[in-house]
Every structure is written in C-alpha cells, then in structure tokens.
Amino acid sequence: MKICNNFYSGFCFKNECEIFKDYLEIGDFIISGFSYGAIKAFNQALESKARVDKLQLFSPAFFQTKNEKFKRMQLMFFKKDEDAYIKNFLENLKDKSTKSIENFFKKGSFEELNELLNFKWSKEDLEELIKKGIKIEVFLGQNDKIIDSLAAKDFFKEFATVYYFKDKGHLLWLQKLE
C-alpha cells in the first residue's frame, strides 16, 4: 500500500492516493486531497508559510449548493445508524466496475461529516492561493453521486484548471455503461 506525502484522505478513507495515480503528482511542493481531504489540502495550502507550487483537489467535498435541511438530514441519519449511513455512502461511490476499496476504508466520524457538509469554499481564499503563485487543479467526474460535480466545475473554473470526466464518478474510475 502506497502512502503519499502531502496527500489528505477523504471521509471514510485512508492511504487512497493510489486510486488517483493516473492524475496525482508527487512532489515536495505539491499538496493534494480527495473529497473531505481536499478541504484539508486547501486549508494547508492557504495557511502554509512553506513553498507550495500546486494544489490538486480530487472530487472536492462541495456541498454549499445543498440546503440546511439536506445537511441536517445527513447528520441525523449518521447519528441514528453510523454503520448503515457509511454502507450507503460507500455504495454511492461504487458501480459495477469499481475496484475494491476495502484496503482504503477508515470509519469516518460525525465531526468529519459535519465539517465536510458545512465547509464553504471561498472565492477570496482561492484568489489568495493564486496570488501566492499556487497552481490549482480540480478533478471531477460527471457521474458523481456524492457531490454536484457540475456546480463544483462552474465554481472552480475561474480559479483552477478543471478536469471534468464525463464517464467517471466520485472516485474518478471509469464507469461502465449498461
């Protein structure tokens, strides 16, 4: 199992950087993250006093288009039955072509879910990263069942190079057509 430096894991994930090996760049001055981990990578790049050349965001957790009722319901369902919520979440990540993700599973917490649902991506903060000379790349799948990837694409396109894959979901693996 490969562990990448400067890579932040998604909700219910650990050491999953190899999932993104087709796109992920490894380097001392590159920070990257998947989904919930994209928030962590973003904050790290924003707060870092050290040199950062590139920020790679894979299927960034983007829920600012969802209303408060949606967010409350997600949290309520998680509190009611964590295991059922996580099982459903993981099923929404996969399709028939998805490789096994068991090796990357780590049970997510209520606090992590709350943070990712309520995080607001800031245009001002993205502009600050650009002023710092950081190149931003965002990778999204059109068939994403977790986030509204079209809304995310429209939001990030002003600040980043956005790769929008019509045949991929949240994990950015090829989706088989039936």
Protein backbone atom coordinates (compact mmCIF):
# COMPACT_ATOMS: atom_id res chain seq x y z
CA MET A 1 0.00 0.00 0.00
CA LYS A 2 1.47 3.30 -1.12
CA ILE A 3 1.44 6.26 1.25
CA CYS A 4 1.83 9.67 -0.36
CA ASN A 5 3.29 12.69 1.37
CA ASN A 6 1.17 15.84 1.31
CA PHE A 7 -2.00 13.86 0.41
CA TYR A 8 -5.12 14.20 2.56
CA SER A 9 -7.65 11.38 2.67
CA GLY A 10 -11.37 11.52 2.07
CA PHE A 11 -14.19 10.79 4.51
CA CYS A 12 -14.04 7.07 5.43
CA PHE A 13 -10.72 6.66 3.58
CA LYS A 14 -7.04 6.23 4.40
CA ASN A 15 -3.98 5.98 2.14
CA GLU A 16 -6.12 6.03 -1.01
CA CYS A 17 -3.72 8.14 -3.08
CA GLU A 18 -3.03 5.20 -5.40
CA ILE A 19 -6.65 5.42 -6.59
CA PHE A 20 -5.65 8.70 -8.25
CA LYS A 21 -2.29 7.55 -9.63
CA ASP A 22 -3.28 8.50 -13.19
CA TYR A 23 -3.56 12.16 -12.17
CA LEU A 24 -1.68 12.59 -8.91
CA GLU A 25 1.63 14.39 -8.96
CA ILE A 26 4.03 13.67 -6.13
CA GLY A 27 6.49 16.33 -5.07
CA ASP A 28 7.78 18.31 -2.14
CA PHE A 29 5.84 21.40 -3.20
CA ILE A 30 2.54 19.74 -4.16
CA ILE A 31 -0.41 19.30 -1.80
CA SER A 32 -3.39 17.16 -2.75
CA GLY A 33 -6.53 15.69 -1.28
CA PHE A 34 -9.61 13.66 -2.10
CA SER A 35 -13.15 14.76 -1.20
CA TYR A 36 -13.02 15.64 2.52
CA GLY A 37 -9.23 15.58 2.22
CA ALA A 38 -9.46 18.27 -0.48
CA ILE A 39 -10.71 20.63 2.23
CA LYS A 40 -7.71 19.73 4.40
CA ALA A 41 -5.30 20.16 1.46
CA PHE A 42 -6.87 23.51 0.58
CA ASN A 43 -6.53 24.78 4.16
CA GLN A 44 -2.94 23.52 4.34
CA ALA A 45 -2.03 25.39 1.13
CA LEU A 46 -3.78 28.52 2.38
CA GLU A 47 -2.06 28.51 5.79
CA SER A 48 1.36 27.25 4.70
CA LYS A 49 4.35 29.53 5.09
CA ALA A 50 6.42 27.00 3.14
CA ARG A 51 6.63 26.89 -0.63
CA VAL A 52 3.63 25.36 -2.40
CA ASP A 53 3.60 25.18 -6.20
CA LYS A 54 0.47 23.14 -6.85
CA LEU A 55 -2.77 22.15 -5.15
CA GLN A 56 -4.60 19.12 -6.55
CA LEU A 57 -8.23 18.62 -5.47
CA PHE A 58 -9.83 15.28 -6.35
CA SER A 59 -13.65 15.33 -6.19
CA PRO A 60 -13.57 18.08 -3.55
CA ALA A 61 -16.36 17.93 -0.98
CA PHE A 62 -18.69 20.57 -2.41
CA PHE A 63 -21.98 20.89 -0.55
CA GLN A 64 -22.51 24.64 -0.50
CA THR A 65 -25.29 24.25 -3.07
CA LYS A 66 -27.21 21.98 -0.67
CA ASN A 67 -29.73 23.48 1.74
CA GLU A 68 -29.57 23.26 5.53
CA LYS A 69 -32.32 20.63 5.65
CA PHE A 70 -30.23 18.29 3.46
CA LYS A 71 -27.21 18.77 5.73
CA ARG A 72 -29.23 18.25 8.93
CA MET A 73 -30.77 15.07 7.49
CA GLN A 74 -27.34 13.66 6.58
CA LEU A 75 -26.09 14.29 10.11
CA MET A 76 -29.27 12.89 11.65
CA PHE A 77 -29.04 9.68 9.60
CA PHE A 78 -25.37 9.32 10.56
CA LYS A 79 -26.17 9.75 14.29
CA LYS A 80 -29.07 7.30 14.08
CA ASP A 81 -27.06 4.48 12.46
CA GLU A 82 -23.42 5.20 11.60
CA ASP A 83 -22.80 1.80 10.02
CA ALA A 84 -25.86 1.97 7.73
CA TYR A 85 -25.01 5.54 6.74
CA ILE A 86 -21.41 4.63 5.87
CA LYS A 87 -22.50 1.50 3.98
CA ASN A 88 -24.88 3.61 1.87
CA PHE A 89 -22.20 6.27 1.36
CA LEU A 90 -19.69 3.68 0.13
CA GLU A 91 -22.29 2.12 -2.19
CA ASN A 92 -22.85 5.54 -3.77
CA LEU A 93 -19.12 5.71 -4.53
CA LYS A 94 -19.09 2.48 -6.48
CA ASP A 95 -20.63 0.95 -9.55
CA LYS A 96 -20.17 -2.46 -11.15
CA SER A 97 -16.72 -1.54 -12.49
CA THR A 98 -15.32 -0.09 -9.27
CA LYS A 99 -12.32 -1.88 -7.87
CA SER A 100 -12.30 -2.93 -4.23
CA ILE A 101 -11.88 -0.06 -1.78
CA GLU A 102 -11.70 -2.24 1.37
CA ASN A 103 -7.96 -1.60 1.78
CA PHE A 104 -8.62 2.13 1.96
CA PHE A 105 -11.51 2.10 4.45
CA LYS A 106 -11.34 4.00 7.73
CA LYS A 107 -14.56 4.70 9.61
CA GLY A 108 -15.45 8.37 9.38
CA SER A 109 -16.65 10.42 12.34
CA PHE A 110 -19.64 12.67 12.93
CA GLU A 111 -17.26 15.63 13.28
CA GLU A 112 -15.67 14.94 9.89
CA LEU A 113 -19.06 14.60 8.21
CA ASN A 114 -20.28 17.82 9.84
CA GLU A 115 -17.16 19.67 8.71
CA LEU A 116 -17.33 18.48 5.11
CA LEU A 117 -21.06 19.16 4.77
CA ASN A 118 -20.76 22.69 6.16
CA PHE A 119 -17.46 23.76 4.59
CA LYS A 120 -17.81 26.77 2.29
CA TRP A 121 -15.26 27.17 -0.48
CA SER A 122 -14.27 30.83 -0.59
CA LYS A 123 -13.52 32.66 -3.82
CA GLU A 124 -11.40 35.10 -1.82
CA ASP A 125 -9.29 32.25 -0.45
CA LEU A 126 -8.88 30.76 -3.92
CA GLU A 127 -7.75 34.17 -5.18
CA GLU A 128 -5.27 34.31 -2.29
CA LEU A 129 -3.76 30.99 -3.39
CA ILE A 130 -3.40 32.30 -6.93
CA LYS A 131 -1.68 35.44 -5.60
CA LYS A 132 0.74 33.15 -3.75
CA GLY A 133 1.60 31.61 -7.14
CA ILE A 134 -0.09 28.27 -6.46
CA LYS A 135 -1.47 26.42 -9.48
CA ILE A 136 -4.79 24.76 -8.66
CA GLU A 137 -6.11 21.64 -10.39
CA VAL A 138 -9.58 20.21 -9.75
CA PHE A 139 -10.61 16.73 -10.91
CA LEU A 140 -14.33 15.93 -11.16
CA GLY A 141 -16.49 13.13 -12.54
CA GLN A 142 -19.80 13.93 -14.23
CA ASN A 143 -21.34 10.74 -12.81
CA ASP A 144 -20.52 11.68 -9.21
CA LYS A 145 -23.31 10.52 -6.87
CA ILE A 146 -21.83 12.29 -3.83
CA ILE A 147 -21.42 15.93 -4.90
CA ASP A 148 -22.95 18.16 -7.56
CA SER A 149 -19.93 18.00 -9.86
CA LEU A 150 -21.41 20.41 -12.41
CA ALA A 151 -21.88 23.10 -9.74
CA ALA A 152 -18.35 22.40 -8.47
CA LYS A 153 -16.98 22.71 -12.01
CA ASP A 154 -18.74 26.04 -12.51
CA PHE A 155 -17.46 27.31 -9.16
CA PHE A 156 -13.81 26.28 -9.56
CA LYS A 157 -13.31 27.02 -13.29
CA GLU A 158 -12.48 30.68 -12.60
CA PHE A 159 -9.58 29.74 -10.30
CA ALA A 160 -8.31 26.36 -11.44
CA THR A 161 -7.65 24.05 -14.30
CA VAL A 162 -10.69 21.80 -14.06
CA TYR A 163 -10.65 18.28 -15.47
CA TYR A 164 -14.26 17.12 -15.91
CA PHE A 165 -14.60 13.47 -16.89
CA LYS A 166 -17.96 12.56 -18.41
CA ASP A 167 -17.56 8.83 -17.75
CA LYS A 168 -16.33 8.90 -14.14
CA GLY A 169 -17.80 9.17 -10.65
CA HIS A 170 -16.51 10.38 -7.27
CA LEU A 171 -13.52 8.00 -7.26
CA LEU A 172 -12.64 9.05 -10.83
CA TRP A 173 -12.64 5.45 -12.04
CA LEU A 174 -14.13 4.57 -15.41
CA GLN A 175 -17.86 3.98 -15.18
CA LYS A 176 -19.22 1.09 -17.24
CA LEU A 177 -22.26 1.87 -19.31
CA GLU A 178 -25.05 -0.70 -19.22
